[in-house]
Amino acid sequence: MTSFLGTPSHDTITSEKDMIQDTNTTMSNSPSKQKFGGRATIGRFSKQNEAEAEILLDNEKELKDTHTVNKIENVKKDVEKVIDITREVVKSFEDRGEKIEDLKTSAENLESLSNAMETNAKLLAKKHKSTNKNG
């Protein structure tokens, strides 16, 4: 029972203590506790837990190592992709350079042809003037 202030009464506290004692007595007499044999069993479980903890830590380390290796391999793949792209860009620059050289050569040929045509046109104009004067 609780008192009017909301705190447990003496009877309630006593009955809770009795319940805890009954539980402890039942647990100490339980077959599972008697079966495992006290402190020796606790030591064996501790060693087993330590071994399991070591295994878990090793597994965790292996997972981290695997994760790191995967990251490194992904970076290597990315680097290879960048290298391939760079090679393609360089090749396209070389191709453009060749095309520019071809255009430059064509422009030089056109310029020389246009100079020859201009010279021929001037010669024809002089010839035509001299023919018209004489004729």
Protein backbone atom coordinates (compact mmCIF):
# COMPACT_ATOMS: atom_id res chain seq x y z
CA MET A 1 0.00 0.00 0.00
CA THR A 2 1.09 3.57 -0.54
CA SER A 3 0.66 6.40 1.90
CA PHE A 4 -1.36 9.48 1.08
CA LEU A 5 1.85 11.34 -0.01
CA GLY A 6 2.55 8.82 -2.75
CA THR A 7 5.44 7.06 -0.96
CA PRO A 8 5.31 3.31 -0.32
CA SER A 9 4.13 2.26 3.09
CA HIS A 10 6.18 0.09 5.45
CA ASP A 11 4.07 -2.97 4.58
CA THR A 12 4.75 -2.53 0.84
CA ILE A 13 8.52 -2.19 1.35
CA THR A 14 8.61 -5.27 3.57
CA SER A 15 6.66 -7.38 1.08
CA GLU A 16 8.99 -6.28 -1.76
CA LYS A 17 12.04 -7.27 0.32
CA ASP A 18 10.45 -10.66 0.98
CA MET A 19 9.84 -11.16 -2.76
CA ILE A 20 13.48 -10.35 -3.57
CA GLN A 21 14.69 -12.81 -0.88
CA ASP A 22 12.36 -15.50 -2.19
CA THR A 23 13.70 -14.97 -5.72
CA ASN A 24 17.33 -15.15 -4.55
CA THR A 25 16.61 -18.34 -2.57
CA THR A 26 14.90 -19.92 -5.57
CA MET A 27 17.79 -19.00 -7.87
CA SER A 28 20.45 -20.31 -5.48
CA ASN A 29 18.59 -23.63 -5.24
CA SER A 30 17.92 -23.83 -8.97
CA PRO A 31 19.36 -26.86 -10.81
CA SER A 32 21.08 -24.65 -13.40
CA LYS A 33 23.20 -22.93 -10.76
CA GLN A 34 24.08 -26.21 -9.09
CA LYS A 35 24.85 -27.78 -12.47
CA PHE A 36 27.47 -25.20 -13.49
CA GLY A 37 29.44 -25.35 -10.27
CA GLY A 38 30.05 -21.79 -9.09
CA ARG A 39 33.31 -19.86 -9.64
CA ALA A 40 35.01 -22.46 -11.84
CA THR A 41 32.15 -22.18 -14.28
CA ILE A 42 32.33 -18.39 -14.23
CA GLY A 43 36.06 -18.60 -15.05
CA ARG A 44 35.37 -21.02 -17.92
CA PHE A 45 32.67 -18.73 -19.30
CA SER A 46 35.00 -15.74 -19.00
CA LYS A 47 37.69 -17.53 -21.02
CA GLN A 48 35.13 -18.61 -23.57
CA ASN A 49 33.80 -15.04 -23.78
CA GLU A 50 37.34 -13.72 -24.22
CA ALA A 51 37.96 -16.20 -27.03
CA GLU A 52 34.68 -15.23 -28.68
CA ALA A 53 35.53 -11.56 -28.26
CA GLU A 54 38.90 -12.14 -29.93
CA ILE A 55 37.21 -13.94 -32.80
CA LEU A 56 34.75 -11.08 -33.18
CA LEU A 57 37.58 -8.53 -33.14
CA ASP A 58 39.49 -10.54 -35.75
CA ASN A 59 36.38 -10.74 -37.91
CA GLU A 60 35.80 -7.02 -37.53
CA LYS A 61 39.43 -6.35 -38.51
CA GLU A 62 39.07 -8.60 -41.55
CA LEU A 63 35.89 -6.76 -42.54
CA LYS A 64 37.65 -3.41 -42.16
CA ASP A 65 40.62 -4.72 -44.16
CA THR A 66 38.28 -6.01 -46.85
CA HIS A 67 36.45 -2.69 -46.88
CA THR A 68 39.78 -0.86 -47.20
CA VAL A 69 40.88 -3.16 -50.03
CA ASN A 70 37.55 -2.57 -51.79
CA LYS A 71 38.01 1.18 -51.45
CA ILE A 72 41.54 0.95 -52.83
CA GLU A 73 40.37 -1.17 -55.76
CA ASN A 74 37.56 1.30 -56.47
CA VAL A 75 40.07 4.16 -56.46
CA LYS A 76 42.33 2.19 -58.82
CA LYS A 77 39.39 1.62 -61.18
CA ASP A 78 38.54 5.32 -61.06
CA VAL A 79 42.17 6.21 -61.83
CA GLU A 80 42.16 3.81 -64.79
CA LYS A 81 38.97 5.45 -66.09
CA VAL A 82 40.56 8.90 -65.78
CA ILE A 83 43.69 7.66 -67.60
CA ASP A 84 41.54 6.22 -70.42
CA ILE A 85 39.59 9.47 -70.74
CA THR A 86 42.84 11.46 -70.77
CA ARG A 87 44.22 9.23 -73.54
CA GLU A 88 41.05 9.79 -75.58
CA VAL A 89 41.33 13.56 -75.09
CA VAL A 90 45.00 13.54 -76.15
CA LYS A 91 44.13 11.44 -79.22
CA SER A 92 41.34 13.83 -80.16
CA PHE A 93 43.77 16.78 -79.79
CA GLU A 94 46.23 14.98 -82.05
CA ASP A 95 43.45 14.35 -84.59
CA ARG A 96 42.42 18.01 -84.42
CA GLY A 97 46.05 19.02 -84.82
CA GLU A 98 46.31 16.91 -87.98
CA LYS A 99 43.08 18.43 -89.31
CA ILE A 100 44.35 21.92 -88.55
CA GLU A 101 47.59 21.13 -90.40
CA ASP A 102 45.54 19.90 -93.37
CA LEU A 103 43.46 23.10 -93.30
CA LYS A 104 46.61 25.21 -93.06
CA THR A 105 48.11 23.43 -96.07
CA SER A 106 44.88 23.89 -98.05
CA ALA A 107 44.77 27.58 -97.12
CA GLU A 108 48.39 28.05 -98.26
CA ASN A 109 47.59 26.29 -101.58
CA LEU A 110 44.53 28.50 -102.11
CA GLU A 111 46.58 31.61 -101.34
CA SER A 112 49.28 30.67 -103.86
CA LEU A 113 46.61 29.88 -106.49
CA SER A 114 44.86 33.18 -105.84
CA ASN A 115 48.21 35.04 -106.17
CA ALA A 116 48.88 33.26 -109.48
CA MET A 117 45.39 34.11 -110.69
CA GLU A 118 45.84 37.76 -109.72
CA THR A 119 49.14 37.89 -111.59
CA ASN A 120 47.55 36.28 -114.68
CA ALA A 121 44.59 38.67 -114.50
CA LYS A 122 46.96 41.68 -114.44
CA LEU A 123 48.91 40.30 -117.39
CA LEU A 124 45.71 39.72 -119.36
CA ALA A 125 44.49 43.23 -118.55
CA LYS A 126 47.77 44.74 -119.83
CA LYS A 127 47.59 42.57 -122.95
CA HIS A 128 44.02 43.60 -123.54
CA LYS A 129 44.90 47.33 -123.17
CA SER A 130 47.79 47.05 -125.51
CA THR A 131 45.63 45.21 -128.07
CA ASN A 132 42.94 47.88 -127.88
CA LYS A 133 45.49 50.69 -128.35
CA ASN A 134 47.08 49.04 -131.35
CA GLY A 135 44.06 47.93 -133.01
